[in-house]
Amino acid sequence: MLGLVASLAAAWALPGGWSLRFAFTTGWALALVVALVPRSSGGYLIGSDAPGYALLVTGLVLVLVGIVTVRPLRPAPSDDPAP
């Protein structure tokens, strides 16, 4: 639980944008996807119990935080007419 809370806190503390928060949350999600691939022995690395589901939900929340807080690449046009 400490690792999950620390990941959420780190994602929230990073400045929003493509290079920091989005990259952190995307990397976290990619590591989670690698952990979800079935193993050669037929099992999974993440169990189907409460801690496993908490890990999956945390990954989903991190991805959503990363996507929602991305700043636009170019500034929005101003509503003020140019003098």
PDB file of N, CA and C in Angstrom:
ATOM      1  N   MET A   1       0.819  -1.196   0.000  1.00  0.00           N
ATOM      2  CA  MET A   1       0.000   0.000   0.000  1.00  0.00           C
ATOM      3  C   MET A   1       0.865   1.263   0.000  1.00  0.00           C
ATOM      4  N   LEU A   2       1.987   1.196   0.676  1.00  0.00           N
ATOM      5  CA  LEU A   2       2.866   2.352   0.712  1.00  0.00           C
ATOM      6  C   LEU A   2       3.389   2.683  -0.689  1.00  0.00           C
ATOM      7  N   GLY A   3       3.715   1.660  -1.467  1.00  0.00           N
ATOM      8  CA  GLY A   3       4.182   1.883  -2.831  1.00  0.00           C
ATOM      9  C   GLY A   3       3.112   2.502  -3.716  1.00  0.00           C
ATOM     10  N   LEU A   4       1.862   2.082  -3.533  1.00  0.00           N
ATOM     11  CA  LEU A   4       0.772   2.638  -4.329  1.00  0.00           C
ATOM     12  C   LEU A   4       0.526   4.098  -3.974  1.00  0.00           C
ATOM     13  N   VAL A   5       0.522   4.397  -2.687  1.00  0.00           N
ATOM     14  CA  VAL A   5       0.314   5.776  -2.243  1.00  0.00           C
ATOM     15  C   VAL A   5       1.484   6.651  -2.685  1.00  0.00           C
ATOM     16  N   ALA A   6       2.698   6.115  -2.603  1.00  0.00           N
ATOM     17  CA  ALA A   6       3.867   6.888  -3.038  1.00  0.00           C
ATOM     18  C   ALA A   6       3.827   7.164  -4.541  1.00  0.00           C
ATOM     19  N   SER A   7       3.353   6.204  -5.325  1.00  0.00           N
ATOM     20  CA  SER A   7       3.234   6.417  -6.776  1.00  0.00           C
ATOM     21  C   SER A   7       2.207   7.488  -7.085  1.00  0.00           C
ATOM     22  N   LEU A   8       1.083   7.455  -6.405  1.00  0.00           N
ATOM     23  CA  LEU A   8       0.062   8.486  -6.612  1.00  0.00           C
ATOM     24  C   LEU A   8       0.571   9.859  -6.179  1.00  0.00           C
ATOM     25  N   ALA A   9       1.277   9.912  -5.052  1.00  0.00           N
ATOM     26  CA  ALA A   9       1.813  11.184  -4.576  1.00  0.00           C
ATOM     27  C   ALA A   9       2.875  11.730  -5.525  1.00  0.00           C
ATOM     28  N   ALA A  10       3.715  10.848  -6.056  1.00  0.00           N
ATOM     29  CA  ALA A  10       4.748  11.290  -7.002  1.00  0.00           C
ATOM     30  C   ALA A  10       4.115  11.817  -8.283  1.00  0.00           C
ATOM     31  N   ALA A  11       3.078  11.134  -8.765  1.00  0.00           N
ATOM     32  CA  ALA A  11       2.401  11.593  -9.981  1.00  0.00           C
ATOM     33  C   ALA A  11       1.753  12.949  -9.753  1.00  0.00           C
ATOM     34  N   TRP A  12       1.190  13.152  -8.585  1.00  0.00           N
ATOM     35  CA  TRP A  12       0.527  14.428  -8.306  1.00  0.00           C
ATOM     36  C   TRP A  12       1.537  15.546  -8.085  1.00  0.00           C
ATOM     37  N   ALA A  13       2.705  15.214  -7.545  1.00  0.00           N
ATOM     38  CA  ALA A  13       3.722  16.231  -7.259  1.00  0.00           C
ATOM     39  C   ALA A  13       4.460  16.680  -8.521  1.00  0.00           C
ATOM     40  N   LEU A  14       4.537  15.831  -9.523  1.00  0.00           N
ATOM     41  CA  LEU A  14       5.223  16.217 -10.757  1.00  0.00           C
ATOM     42  C   LEU A  14       4.423  17.280 -11.500  1.00  0.00           C
ATOM     43  N   PRO A  15       5.096  18.212 -12.143  1.00  0.00           N
ATOM     44  CA  PRO A  15       4.364  19.203 -12.934  1.00  0.00           C
ATOM     45  C   PRO A  15       3.679  18.535 -14.126  1.00  0.00           C
ATOM     46  N   GLY A  16       2.473  18.987 -14.426  1.00  0.00           N
ATOM     47  CA  GLY A  16       1.735  18.425 -15.544  1.00  0.00           C
ATOM     48  C   GLY A  16       2.423  18.730 -16.862  1.00  0.00           C
ATOM     49  N   GLY A  17       2.263  17.854 -17.784  1.00  0.00           N
ATOM     50  CA  GLY A  17       2.869  18.058 -19.093  1.00  0.00           C
ATOM     51  C   GLY A  17       3.295  16.744 -19.705  1.00  0.00           C
ATOM     52  N   TRP A  18       3.726  16.823 -20.964  1.00  0.00           N
ATOM     53  CA  TRP A  18       4.102  15.620 -21.685  1.00  0.00           C
ATOM     54  C   TRP A  18       5.376  14.989 -21.155  1.00  0.00           C
ATOM     55  N   SER A  19       6.328  15.815 -20.708  1.00  0.00           N
ATOM     56  CA  SER A  19       7.641  15.279 -20.387  1.00  0.00           C
ATOM     57  C   SER A  19       7.781  14.760 -18.963  1.00  0.00           C
ATOM     58  N   LEU A  20       6.915  15.142 -18.052  1.00  0.00           N
ATOM     59  CA  LEU A  20       7.104  14.693 -16.670  1.00  0.00           C
ATOM     60  C   LEU A  20       5.970  13.790 -16.185  1.00  0.00           C
ATOM     61  N   ARG A  21       4.830  14.378 -15.884  1.00  0.00           N
ATOM     62  CA  ARG A  21       3.756  13.587 -15.289  1.00  0.00           C
ATOM     63  C   ARG A  21       3.236  12.527 -16.259  1.00  0.00           C
ATOM     64  N   PHE A  22       3.015  12.908 -17.511  1.00  0.00           N
ATOM     65  CA  PHE A  22       2.493  11.943 -18.480  1.00  0.00           C
ATOM     66  C   PHE A  22       3.498  10.820 -18.720  1.00  0.00           C
ATOM     67  N   ALA A  23       4.774  11.153 -18.797  1.00  0.00           N
ATOM     68  CA  ALA A  23       5.808  10.140 -18.996  1.00  0.00           C
ATOM     69  C   ALA A  23       5.886   9.201 -17.800  1.00  0.00           C
ATOM     70  N   PHE A  24       5.788   9.736 -16.586  1.00  0.00           N
ATOM     71  CA  PHE A  24       5.826   8.910 -15.381  1.00  0.00           C
ATOM     72  C   PHE A  24       4.649   7.948 -15.348  1.00  0.00           C
ATOM     73  N   THR A  25       3.447   8.464 -15.585  1.00  0.00           N
ATOM     74  CA  THR A  25       2.261   7.601 -15.510  1.00  0.00           C
ATOM     75  C   THR A  25       2.227   6.595 -16.656  1.00  0.00           C
ATOM     76  N   THR A  26       2.705   6.972 -17.835  1.00  0.00           N
ATOM     77  CA  THR A  26       2.751   6.034 -18.951  1.00  0.00           C
ATOM     78  C   THR A  26       3.764   4.921 -18.677  1.00  0.00           C
ATOM     79  N   GLY A  27       4.909   5.271 -18.135  1.00  0.00           N
ATOM     80  CA  GLY A  27       5.901   4.265 -17.775  1.00  0.00           C
ATOM     81  C   GLY A  27       5.387   3.312 -16.714  1.00  0.00           C
ATOM     82  N   TRP A  28       4.665   3.830 -15.757  1.00  0.00           N
ATOM     83  CA  TRP A  28       4.081   3.004 -14.710  1.00  0.00           C
ATOM     84  C   TRP A  28       3.064   2.043 -15.319  1.00  0.00           C
ATOM     85  N   ALA A  29       2.248   2.539 -16.239  1.00  0.00           N
ATOM     86  CA  ALA A  29       1.230   1.700 -16.876  1.00  0.00           C
ATOM     87  C   ALA A  29       1.882   0.642 -17.770  1.00  0.00           C
ATOM     88  N   LEU A  30       2.958   0.993 -18.465  1.00  0.00           N
ATOM     89  CA  LEU A  30       3.639   0.011 -19.301  1.00  0.00           C
ATOM     90  C   LEU A  30       4.263  -1.101 -18.458  1.00  0.00           C
ATOM     91  N   ALA A  31       4.800  -0.757 -17.312  1.00  0.00           N
ATOM     92  CA  ALA A  31       5.327  -1.783 -16.410  1.00  0.00           C
ATOM     93  C   ALA A  31       4.200  -2.693 -15.923  1.00  0.00           C
ATOM     94  N   LEU A  32       3.038  -2.136 -15.699  1.00  0.00           N
ATOM     95  CA  LEU A  32       1.880  -2.918 -15.282  1.00  0.00           C
ATOM     96  C   LEU A  32       1.416  -3.842 -16.406  1.00  0.00           C
ATOM     97  N   VAL A  33       1.443  -3.361 -17.639  1.00  0.00           N
ATOM     98  CA  VAL A  33       1.055  -4.194 -18.787  1.00  0.00           C
ATOM     99  C   VAL A  33       2.016  -5.374 -18.931  1.00  0.00           C
ATOM    100  N   VAL A  34       3.303  -5.130 -18.735  1.00  0.00           N
ATOM    101  CA  VAL A  34       4.281  -6.217 -18.806  1.00  0.00           C
ATOM    102  C   VAL A  34       4.003  -7.239 -17.712  1.00  0.00           C
ATOM    103  N   ALA A  35       3.592  -6.786 -16.547  1.00  0.00           N
ATOM    104  CA  ALA A  35       3.280  -7.706 -15.457  1.00  0.00           C
ATOM    105  C   ALA A  35       1.999  -8.491 -15.714  1.00  0.00           C
ATOM    106  N   LEU A  36       1.139  -8.002 -16.588  1.00  0.00           N
ATOM    107  CA  LEU A  36      -0.125  -8.684 -16.881  1.00  0.00           C
ATOM    108  C   LEU A  36      -0.002  -9.759 -17.953  1.00  0.00           C
ATOM    109  N   VAL A  37       1.134  -9.852 -18.614  1.00  0.00           N
ATOM    110  CA  VAL A  37       1.331 -10.876 -19.640  1.00  0.00           C
ATOM    111  C   VAL A  37       1.411 -12.236 -18.947  1.00  0.00           C
ATOM    112  N   PRO A  38       0.678 -13.234 -19.456  1.00  0.00           N
ATOM    113  CA  PRO A  38       0.744 -14.566 -18.840  1.00  0.00           C
ATOM    114  C   PRO A  38       2.155 -15.147 -18.878  1.00  0.00           C
ATOM    115  N   ARG A  39       2.532 -15.815 -17.816  1.00  0.00           N
ATOM    116  CA  ARG A  39       3.851 -16.433 -17.717  1.00  0.00           C
ATOM    117  C   ARG A  39       3.844 -17.775 -18.447  1.00  0.00           C
ATOM    118  N   SER A  40       5.022 -18.289 -18.742  1.00  0.00           N
ATOM    119  CA  SER A  40       5.134 -19.559 -19.462  1.00  0.00           C
ATOM    120  C   SER A  40       4.578 -20.725 -18.643  1.00  0.00           C
ATOM    121  N   SER A  41       4.551 -20.585 -17.339  1.00  0.00           N
ATOM    122  CA  SER A  41       4.013 -21.643 -16.483  1.00  0.00           C
ATOM    123  C   SER A  41       2.491 -21.614 -16.432  1.00  0.00           C
ATOM    124  N   GLY A  42       1.867 -20.626 -17.071  1.00  0.00           N
ATOM    125  CA  GLY A  42       0.413 -20.564 -17.121  1.00  0.00           C
ATOM    126  C   GLY A  42      -0.203 -19.621 -16.108  1.00  0.00           C
ATOM    127  N   GLY A  43       0.577 -19.033 -15.244  1.00  0.00           N
ATOM    128  CA  GLY A  43       0.052 -18.129 -14.225  1.00  0.00           C
ATOM    129  C   GLY A  43       0.273 -16.679 -14.599  1.00  0.00           C
ATOM    130  N   TYR A  44      -0.136 -15.818 -13.700  1.00  0.00           N
ATOM    131  CA  TYR A  44       0.036 -14.375 -13.878  1.00  0.00           C
ATOM    132  C   TYR A  44       0.859 -13.836 -12.720  1.00  0.00           C
ATOM    133  N   LEU A  45       1.563 -12.740 -12.965  1.00  0.00           N
ATOM    134  CA  LEU A  45       2.379 -12.130 -11.924  1.00  0.00           C
ATOM    135  C   LEU A  45       1.508 -11.403 -10.907  1.00  0.00           C
ATOM    136  N   ILE A  46       0.387 -10.852 -11.360  1.00  0.00           N
ATOM    137  CA  ILE A  46      -0.538 -10.132 -10.474  1.00  0.00           C
ATOM    138  C   ILE A  46      -1.676 -11.062 -10.122  1.00  0.00           C
ATOM    139  N   GLY A  47      -1.896 -11.258  -8.834  1.00  0.00           N
ATOM    140  CA  GLY A  47      -2.930 -12.169  -8.374  1.00  0.00           C
ATOM    141  C   GLY A  47      -4.324 -11.580  -8.494  1.00  0.00           C
ATOM    142  N   SER A  48      -5.311 -12.445  -8.463  1.00  0.00           N
ATOM    143  CA  SER A  48      -6.709 -11.999  -8.520  1.00  0.00           C
ATOM    144  C   SER A  48      -7.272 -11.911  -7.102  1.00  0.00           C
ATOM    145  N   ASP A  49      -6.603 -11.108  -6.280  1.00  0.00           N
ATOM    146  CA  ASP A  49      -7.052 -10.859  -4.918  1.00  0.00           C
ATOM    147  C   ASP A  49      -7.083  -9.347  -4.692  1.00  0.00           C
ATOM    148  N   ALA A  50      -7.366  -8.939  -3.485  1.00  0.00           N
ATOM    149  CA  ALA A  50      -7.513  -7.504  -3.194  1.00  0.00           C
ATOM    150  C   ALA A  50      -6.252  -6.695  -3.523  1.00  0.00           C
ATOM    151  N   PRO A  51      -5.051  -7.134  -3.141  1.00  0.00           N
ATOM    152  CA  PRO A  51      -3.860  -6.351  -3.515  1.00  0.00           C
ATOM    153  C   PRO A  51      -3.647  -6.279  -5.029  1.00  0.00           C
ATOM    154  N   GLY A  52      -3.957  -7.351  -5.751  1.00  0.00           N
ATOM    155  CA  GLY A  52      -3.812  -7.327  -7.199  1.00  0.00           C
ATOM    156  C   GLY A  52      -4.775  -6.349  -7.850  1.00  0.00           C
ATOM    157  N   TYR A  53      -6.016  -6.361  -7.375  1.00  0.00           N
ATOM    158  CA  TYR A  53      -6.994  -5.417  -7.920  1.00  0.00           C
ATOM    159  C   TYR A  53      -6.667  -3.979  -7.519  1.00  0.00           C
ATOM    160  N   ALA A  54      -6.123  -3.792  -6.330  1.00  0.00           N
ATOM    161  CA  ALA A  54      -5.697  -2.449  -5.921  1.00  0.00           C
ATOM    162  C   ALA A  54      -4.582  -1.943  -6.829  1.00  0.00           C
ATOM    163  N   LEU A  55      -3.676  -2.830  -7.225  1.00  0.00           N
ATOM    164  CA  LEU A  55      -2.610  -2.454  -8.147  1.00  0.00           C
ATOM    165  C   LEU A  55      -3.177  -2.058  -9.511  1.00  0.00           C
ATOM    166  N   LEU A  56      -4.141  -2.819 -10.011  1.00  0.00           N
ATOM    167  CA  LEU A  56      -4.753  -2.502 -11.300  1.00  0.00           C
ATOM    168  C   LEU A  56      -5.525  -1.192 -11.256  1.00  0.00           C
ATOM    169  N   VAL A  57      -6.263  -0.958 -10.180  1.00  0.00           N
ATOM    170  CA  VAL A  57      -7.019   0.291 -10.048  1.00  0.00           C
ATOM    171  C   VAL A  57      -6.076   1.474  -9.931  1.00  0.00           C
ATOM    172  N   THR A  58      -4.980   1.298  -9.195  1.00  0.00           N
ATOM    173  CA  THR A  58      -3.999   2.371  -9.085  1.00  0.00           C
ATOM    174  C   THR A  58      -3.387   2.691 -10.438  1.00  0.00           C
ATOM    175  N   GLY A  59      -3.103   1.670 -11.229  1.00  0.00           N
ATOM    176  CA  GLY A  59      -2.590   1.896 -12.577  1.00  0.00           C
ATOM    177  C   GLY A  59      -3.579   2.672 -13.431  1.00  0.00           C
ATOM    178  N   LEU A  60      -4.855   2.336 -13.329  1.00  0.00           N
ATOM    179  CA  LEU A  60      -5.884   3.049 -14.088  1.00  0.00           C
ATOM    180  C   LEU A  60      -5.988   4.497 -13.634  1.00  0.00           C
ATOM    181  N   VAL A  61      -5.950   4.721 -12.332  1.00  0.00           N
ATOM    182  CA  VAL A  61      -6.022   6.087 -11.800  1.00  0.00           C
ATOM    183  C   VAL A  61      -4.812   6.897 -12.256  1.00  0.00           C
ATOM    184  N   LEU A  62      -3.633   6.287 -12.229  1.00  0.00           N
ATOM    185  CA  LEU A  62      -2.428   6.995 -12.676  1.00  0.00           C
ATOM    186  C   LEU A  62      -2.520   7.377 -14.146  1.00  0.00           C
ATOM    187  N   VAL A  63      -3.012   6.480 -14.974  1.00  0.00           N
ATOM    188  CA  VAL A  63      -3.149   6.794 -16.398  1.00  0.00           C
ATOM    189  C   VAL A  63      -4.150   7.928 -16.587  1.00  0.00           C
ATOM    190  N   LEU A  64      -5.259   7.885 -15.869  1.00  0.00           N
ATOM    191  CA  LEU A  64      -6.252   8.955 -15.985  1.00  0.00           C
ATOM    192  C   LEU A  64      -5.690  10.294 -15.516  1.00  0.00           C
ATOM    193  N   VAL A  65      -4.940  10.300 -14.424  1.00  0.00           N
ATOM    194  CA  VAL A  65      -4.323  11.539 -13.938  1.00  0.00           C
ATOM    195  C   VAL A  65      -3.329  12.055 -14.970  1.00  0.00           C
ATOM    196  N   GLY A  66      -2.566  11.166 -15.568  1.00  0.00           N
ATOM    197  CA  GLY A  66      -1.604  11.586 -16.578  1.00  0.00           C
ATOM    198  C   GLY A  66      -2.267  12.169 -17.807  1.00  0.00           C
ATOM    199  N   ILE A  67      -3.379  11.587 -18.237  1.00  0.00           N
ATOM    200  CA  ILE A  67      -4.063  12.075 -19.432  1.00  0.00           C
ATOM    201  C   ILE A  67      -4.793  13.378 -19.157  1.00  0.00           C
ATOM    202  N   VAL A  68      -5.480  13.456 -18.031  1.00  0.00           N
ATOM    203  CA  VAL A  68      -6.302  14.634 -17.734  1.00  0.00           C
ATOM    204  C   VAL A  68      -5.447  15.876 -17.504  1.00  0.00           C
ATOM    205  N   THR A  69      -4.258  15.710 -16.981  1.00  0.00           N
ATOM    206  CA  THR A  69      -3.445  16.867 -16.609  1.00  0.00           C
ATOM    207  C   THR A  69      -2.417  17.247 -17.661  1.00  0.00           C
ATOM    208  N   VAL A  70      -2.517  16.704 -18.863  1.00  0.00           N
ATOM    209  CA  VAL A  70      -1.591  17.076 -19.925  1.00  0.00           C
ATOM    210  C   VAL A  70      -1.924  18.480 -20.411  1.00  0.00           C
ATOM    211  N   ARG A  71      -0.919  19.290 -20.514  1.00  0.00           N
ATOM    212  CA  ARG A  71      -1.100  20.646 -21.041  1.00  0.00           C
ATOM    213  C   ARG A  71      -1.095  20.596 -22.555  1.00  0.00           C
ATOM    214  N   PRO A  72      -1.797  21.511 -23.198  1.00  0.00           N
ATOM    215  CA  PRO A  72      -1.750  21.530 -24.662  1.00  0.00           C
ATOM    216  C   PRO A  72      -0.350  21.880 -25.166  1.00  0.00           C
ATOM    217  N   LEU A  73      -0.018  21.381 -26.354  1.00  0.00           N
ATOM    218  CA  LEU A  73       1.305  21.633 -26.916  1.00  0.00           C
ATOM    219  C   LEU A  73       1.482  23.076 -27.359  1.00  0.00           C
ATOM    220  N   ARG A  74       0.418  23.711 -27.804  1.00  0.00           N
ATOM    221  CA  ARG A  74       0.502  25.117 -28.216  1.00  0.00           C
ATOM    222  C   ARG A  74      -0.512  25.910 -27.412  1.00  0.00           C
ATOM    223  N   PRO A  75      -0.218  27.145 -27.146  1.00  0.00           N
ATOM    224  CA  PRO A  75      -1.152  27.937 -26.348  1.00  0.00           C
ATOM    225  C   PRO A  75      -2.465  28.161 -27.090  1.00  0.00           C
ATOM    226  N   ALA A  76      -3.516  28.251 -26.309  1.00  0.00           N
ATOM    227  CA  ALA A  76      -4.830  28.519 -26.887  1.00  0.00           C
ATOM    228  C   ALA A  76      -4.881  29.959 -27.400  1.00  0.00           C
ATOM    229  N   PRO A  77      -5.580  30.193 -28.497  1.00  0.00           N
ATOM    230  CA  PRO A  77      -5.662  31.574 -28.984  1.00  0.00           C
ATOM    231  C   PRO A  77      -6.398  32.468 -27.991  1.00  0.00           C
ATOM    232  N   SER A  78      -5.948  33.675 -27.909  1.00  0.00           N
ATOM    233  CA  SER A  78      -6.531  34.621 -26.970  1.00  0.00           C
ATOM    234  C   SER A  78      -7.864  35.133 -27.532  1.00  0.00           C
ATOM    235  N   ASP A  79      -8.785  35.430 -26.631  1.00  0.00           N
ATOM    236  CA  ASP A  79     -10.071  35.990 -27.024  1.00  0.00           C
ATOM    237  C   ASP A  79      -9.974  37.492 -27.301  1.00  0.00           C
ATOM    238  N   ASP A  80      -8.888  38.097 -26.828  1.00  0.00           N
ATOM    239  CA  ASP A  80      -8.719  39.538 -27.028  1.00  0.00           C
ATOM    240  C   ASP A  80      -8.318  39.805 -28.478  1.00  0.00           C
ATOM    241  N   PRO A  81      -8.961  40.760 -29.137  1.00  0.00           N
ATOM    242  CA  PRO A  81      -8.542  41.089 -30.510  1.00  0.00           C
ATOM    243  C   PRO A  81      -7.192  41.780 -30.490  1.00  0.00           C
ATOM    244  N   ALA A  82      -6.406  41.519 -31.497  1.00  0.00           N
ATOM    245  CA  ALA A  82      -5.078  42.120 -31.603  1.00  0.00           C
ATOM    246  C   ALA A  82      -5.212  43.613 -31.911  1.00  0.00           C
ATOM    247  N   PRO A  83      -4.439  44.476 -31.241  1.00  0.00           N
ATOM    248  CA  PRO A  83      -4.557  45.929 -31.496  1.00  0.00           C
ATOM    249  C   PRO A  83      -3.968  46.318 -32.821  1.00  0.00           C
TER     250      PRO A  83
END
